[in-house]
Amino acid sequence: MKWVLAILAAASLLFGAVNGTMDCVAQSILGESAKTVTLVLTLAGGMCLWSGLLQIAKDSGITDLIARLLKPLIRLIFHGVTLTSRARELICINMTANLLGLGNAATPAGIEAMKELQDPKSPDRATDGMILLTVLNTASIQLIPTTVAMLRLYHGANNPFDILPAVFIVSFSSAAVVILFARVLNRIRRQKGRQ
């Protein structure tokens, strides 16, 4: 990714020099840099708010309640995968953070869950559980898309949460599709391994 950004920056400077518009390129660089700092601070404020609310939910037991509600769903999704109680708890925390649109807060629990799902006999291979968690985390079912809502509010949306129906449809359908594909491909991989 760093090479892509370096090539884009070099191309911008080259085209600015060739077209004689280096002053516009310089103004864009400086102006957009200031906007970037403002955007980062806006997102950081919202992230701090929602991460704080997630910590309050953990401390008050709400995440435990959500984890209990999610257990049947996790059992269904991870059917055939051996889950320790710690792995199940971490997956629940990861899913809860994703449901609240807190991808950054979901990452530490997801990494710890991956460690729990790792097969000690073959640490260089991803297990079925790790693959399922990765695709589920990537699909990221969201009930409250906080980052998108903050970006929409920053750019002047009157109602930043009016996208909720579309978010529900897209996130639930993408999660269903990736789980189905992961299950089918894992089954094919296991069958080829037996041959």
Protein backbone atom coordinates (compact mmCIF):
# COMPACT_ATOMS: atom_id res chain seq x y z
CA MET A 1 0.00 0.00 0.00
CA LYS A 2 2.85 2.39 0.75
CA TRP A 3 4.09 1.93 -2.82
CA VAL A 4 0.67 2.78 -4.23
CA LEU A 5 0.55 5.98 -2.18
CA ALA A 6 4.12 6.86 -3.16
CA ILE A 7 3.32 6.33 -6.87
CA LEU A 8 0.15 8.44 -6.61
CA ALA A 9 2.05 11.25 -4.87
CA ALA A 10 4.86 11.14 -7.44
CA ALA A 11 2.35 11.10 -10.32
CA SER A 12 0.55 14.12 -8.85
CA LEU A 13 3.78 16.07 -8.59
CA LEU A 14 4.82 15.03 -12.11
CA PHE A 15 1.50 16.02 -13.69
CA GLY A 16 1.48 19.27 -11.71
CA ALA A 17 4.96 20.11 -13.00
CA VAL A 18 4.13 19.13 -16.60
CA ASN A 19 0.86 21.09 -16.65
CA GLY A 20 2.30 24.09 -14.83
CA THR A 21 -0.13 23.75 -11.94
CA MET A 22 2.32 23.14 -9.08
CA ASP A 23 0.70 25.99 -7.12
CA CYS A 24 -2.63 24.06 -7.17
CA VAL A 25 -0.86 20.87 -6.12
CA ALA A 26 0.82 22.69 -3.21
CA GLN A 27 -2.49 24.27 -2.12
CA SER A 28 -4.20 20.89 -2.25
CA ILE A 29 -1.46 19.24 -0.21
CA LEU A 30 -1.58 21.88 2.51
CA GLY A 31 -5.36 22.27 2.53
CA GLU A 32 -6.12 18.55 2.58
CA SER A 33 -3.50 17.95 5.28
CA ALA A 34 -5.34 20.35 7.58
CA LYS A 35 -8.66 18.65 6.76
CA THR A 36 -7.08 15.28 7.51
CA VAL A 37 -6.07 16.38 11.00
CA THR A 38 -9.60 17.66 11.64
CA LEU A 39 -11.11 14.41 10.36
CA VAL A 40 -8.77 12.29 12.50
CA LEU A 41 -9.68 14.29 15.61
CA THR A 42 -13.39 13.97 14.79
CA LEU A 43 -13.09 10.20 14.36
CA ALA A 44 -10.91 9.89 17.47
CA GLY A 45 -13.54 11.70 19.55
CA GLY A 46 -16.29 9.40 18.35
CA MET A 47 -14.08 6.34 18.78
CA CYS A 48 -13.28 7.37 22.36
CA LEU A 49 -16.98 7.85 23.08
CA TRP A 50 -18.01 4.45 21.72
CA SER A 51 -15.00 2.64 23.19
CA GLY A 52 -15.87 4.17 26.56
CA LEU A 53 -19.46 3.01 26.17
CA LEU A 54 -18.19 -0.47 25.28
CA GLN A 55 -16.07 -0.46 28.46
CA ILE A 56 -19.11 0.61 30.49
CA ALA A 57 -21.08 -2.19 28.84
CA LYS A 58 -18.33 -4.66 29.82
CA ASP A 59 -18.19 -3.40 33.40
CA SER A 60 -21.97 -3.42 33.82
CA GLY A 61 -22.37 -6.92 32.39
CA ILE A 62 -24.20 -5.91 29.21
CA THR A 63 -21.54 -7.56 27.03
CA ASP A 64 -21.95 -10.75 29.10
CA LEU A 65 -25.68 -10.62 28.40
CA ILE A 66 -25.03 -10.08 24.70
CA ALA A 67 -22.49 -12.93 24.80
CA ARG A 68 -25.13 -15.24 26.31
CA LEU A 69 -27.57 -14.18 23.61
CA LEU A 70 -24.95 -14.79 20.92
CA LYS A 71 -23.89 -18.25 22.20
CA PRO A 72 -26.48 -20.17 20.13
CA LEU A 73 -25.53 -18.19 17.05
CA ILE A 74 -21.82 -18.78 17.65
CA ARG A 75 -22.49 -22.48 18.20
CA LEU A 76 -24.33 -22.55 14.87
CA ILE A 77 -21.69 -20.59 12.95
CA PHE A 78 -18.75 -22.46 14.48
CA HIS A 79 -20.46 -25.87 14.28
CA GLY A 80 -17.81 -28.57 14.18
CA VAL A 81 -15.11 -26.26 15.57
CA THR A 82 -13.79 -26.97 19.06
CA LEU A 83 -14.17 -23.78 21.06
CA THR A 84 -12.75 -23.24 24.52
CA SER A 85 -14.81 -21.06 26.84
CA ARG A 86 -12.14 -18.36 26.49
CA ALA A 87 -12.33 -18.49 22.67
CA ARG A 88 -16.13 -18.29 22.82
CA GLU A 89 -15.92 -15.28 25.15
CA LEU A 90 -13.42 -13.50 22.92
CA ILE A 91 -15.50 -14.19 19.80
CA CYS A 92 -18.54 -12.76 21.60
CA ILE A 93 -16.63 -9.61 22.56
CA ASN A 94 -15.37 -9.28 18.99
CA MET A 95 -18.88 -9.69 17.56
CA THR A 96 -20.36 -7.27 20.11
CA ALA A 97 -17.82 -4.58 19.21
CA ASN A 98 -18.53 -5.16 15.51
CA LEU A 99 -22.29 -4.97 16.12
CA LEU A 100 -21.71 -1.55 17.68
CA GLY A 101 -19.56 -0.50 14.71
CA LEU A 102 -16.34 -0.43 16.73
CA GLY A 103 -13.96 -2.23 14.42
CA ASN A 104 -10.91 -0.87 16.27
CA ALA A 105 -12.23 -2.12 19.61
CA ALA A 106 -13.03 -5.50 18.05
CA THR A 107 -9.46 -6.09 16.86
CA PRO A 108 -7.76 -6.99 20.19
CA ALA A 109 -10.45 -9.54 21.06
CA GLY A 110 -10.26 -10.95 17.53
CA ILE A 111 -6.48 -11.37 17.76
CA GLU A 112 -6.76 -13.11 21.13
CA ALA A 113 -9.53 -15.36 19.77
CA MET A 114 -7.28 -16.28 16.84
CA LYS A 115 -4.59 -17.38 19.29
CA GLU A 116 -7.16 -19.54 21.10
CA LEU A 117 -8.34 -21.08 17.81
CA GLN A 118 -4.79 -21.88 16.65
CA ASP A 119 -3.88 -25.55 16.47
CA PRO A 120 -0.64 -26.00 18.48
CA LYS A 121 0.30 -29.01 16.34
CA SER A 122 0.41 -26.91 13.15
CA PRO A 123 0.89 -23.25 14.10
CA ASP A 124 1.66 -22.22 10.51
CA ARG A 125 -1.82 -23.21 9.20
CA ALA A 126 -5.13 -21.49 9.70
CA THR A 127 -7.79 -23.68 11.29
CA ASP A 128 -11.43 -23.77 10.16
CA GLY A 129 -12.34 -21.67 13.21
CA MET A 130 -9.72 -19.05 12.36
CA ILE A 131 -10.99 -18.82 8.80
CA LEU A 132 -14.60 -18.49 9.95
CA LEU A 133 -13.69 -15.79 12.45
CA THR A 134 -11.71 -13.89 9.83
CA VAL A 135 -14.53 -13.86 7.28
CA LEU A 136 -17.12 -13.07 9.95
CA ASN A 137 -15.00 -10.21 11.25
CA THR A 138 -14.43 -8.92 7.72
CA ALA A 139 -18.16 -9.04 6.89
CA SER A 140 -18.75 -7.24 10.21
CA ILE A 141 -22.47 -7.32 10.94
CA GLN A 142 -23.27 -3.84 12.27
CA LEU A 143 -26.28 -2.56 14.14
CA ILE A 144 -24.75 0.86 14.75
CA PRO A 145 -22.28 1.92 12.02
CA THR A 146 -20.53 4.51 14.18
CA THR A 147 -17.55 5.29 11.95
CA VAL A 148 -19.70 5.73 8.85
CA ALA A 149 -22.18 7.85 10.79
CA MET A 150 -19.35 10.05 12.11
CA LEU A 151 -18.00 10.50 8.59
CA ARG A 152 -21.46 11.38 7.29
CA LEU A 153 -21.97 13.89 10.11
CA TYR A 154 -18.54 15.41 9.43
CA HIS A 155 -19.49 15.91 5.78
CA GLY A 156 -22.80 17.58 6.61
CA ALA A 157 -25.44 14.83 6.63
CA ASN A 158 -28.59 15.97 8.42
CA ASN A 159 -29.36 12.45 9.62
CA PRO A 160 -26.17 10.39 9.66
CA PHE A 161 -28.02 7.22 10.70
CA ASP A 162 -30.55 7.22 7.84
CA ILE A 163 -28.41 4.55 6.15
CA LEU A 164 -29.33 1.93 8.79
CA PRO A 165 -31.72 -0.14 6.62
CA ALA A 166 -29.10 -0.43 3.88
CA VAL A 167 -26.40 -1.27 6.45
CA PHE A 168 -28.57 -4.02 7.95
CA ILE A 169 -29.33 -5.59 4.57
CA VAL A 170 -25.76 -5.43 3.31
CA SER A 171 -24.03 -6.56 6.50
CA PHE A 172 -26.38 -9.49 7.21
CA SER A 173 -26.37 -10.71 3.61
CA SER A 174 -22.59 -10.38 3.26
CA ALA A 175 -22.06 -12.26 6.53
CA ALA A 176 -24.37 -15.07 5.39
CA VAL A 177 -22.60 -15.35 2.03
CA VAL A 178 -19.07 -15.39 3.46
CA ILE A 179 -19.96 -17.92 6.14
CA LEU A 180 -21.53 -20.17 3.51
CA PHE A 181 -18.48 -19.89 1.24
CA ALA A 182 -16.07 -20.48 4.13
CA ARG A 183 -17.96 -23.62 5.16
CA VAL A 184 -18.07 -24.99 1.60
CA LEU A 185 -14.41 -24.22 0.89
CA ASN A 186 -13.30 -25.64 4.25
CA ARG A 187 -15.20 -28.86 3.49
CA ILE A 188 -13.58 -29.09 0.02
CA ARG A 189 -10.13 -28.46 1.56
CA ARG A 190 -10.66 -31.21 4.16
CA GLN A 191 -11.83 -33.67 1.50
CA LYS A 192 -8.76 -32.96 -0.67
CA GLY A 193 -6.54 -33.40 2.41
CA ARG A 194 -7.95 -36.90 2.97
CA GLN A 195 -7.21 -38.00 -0.61
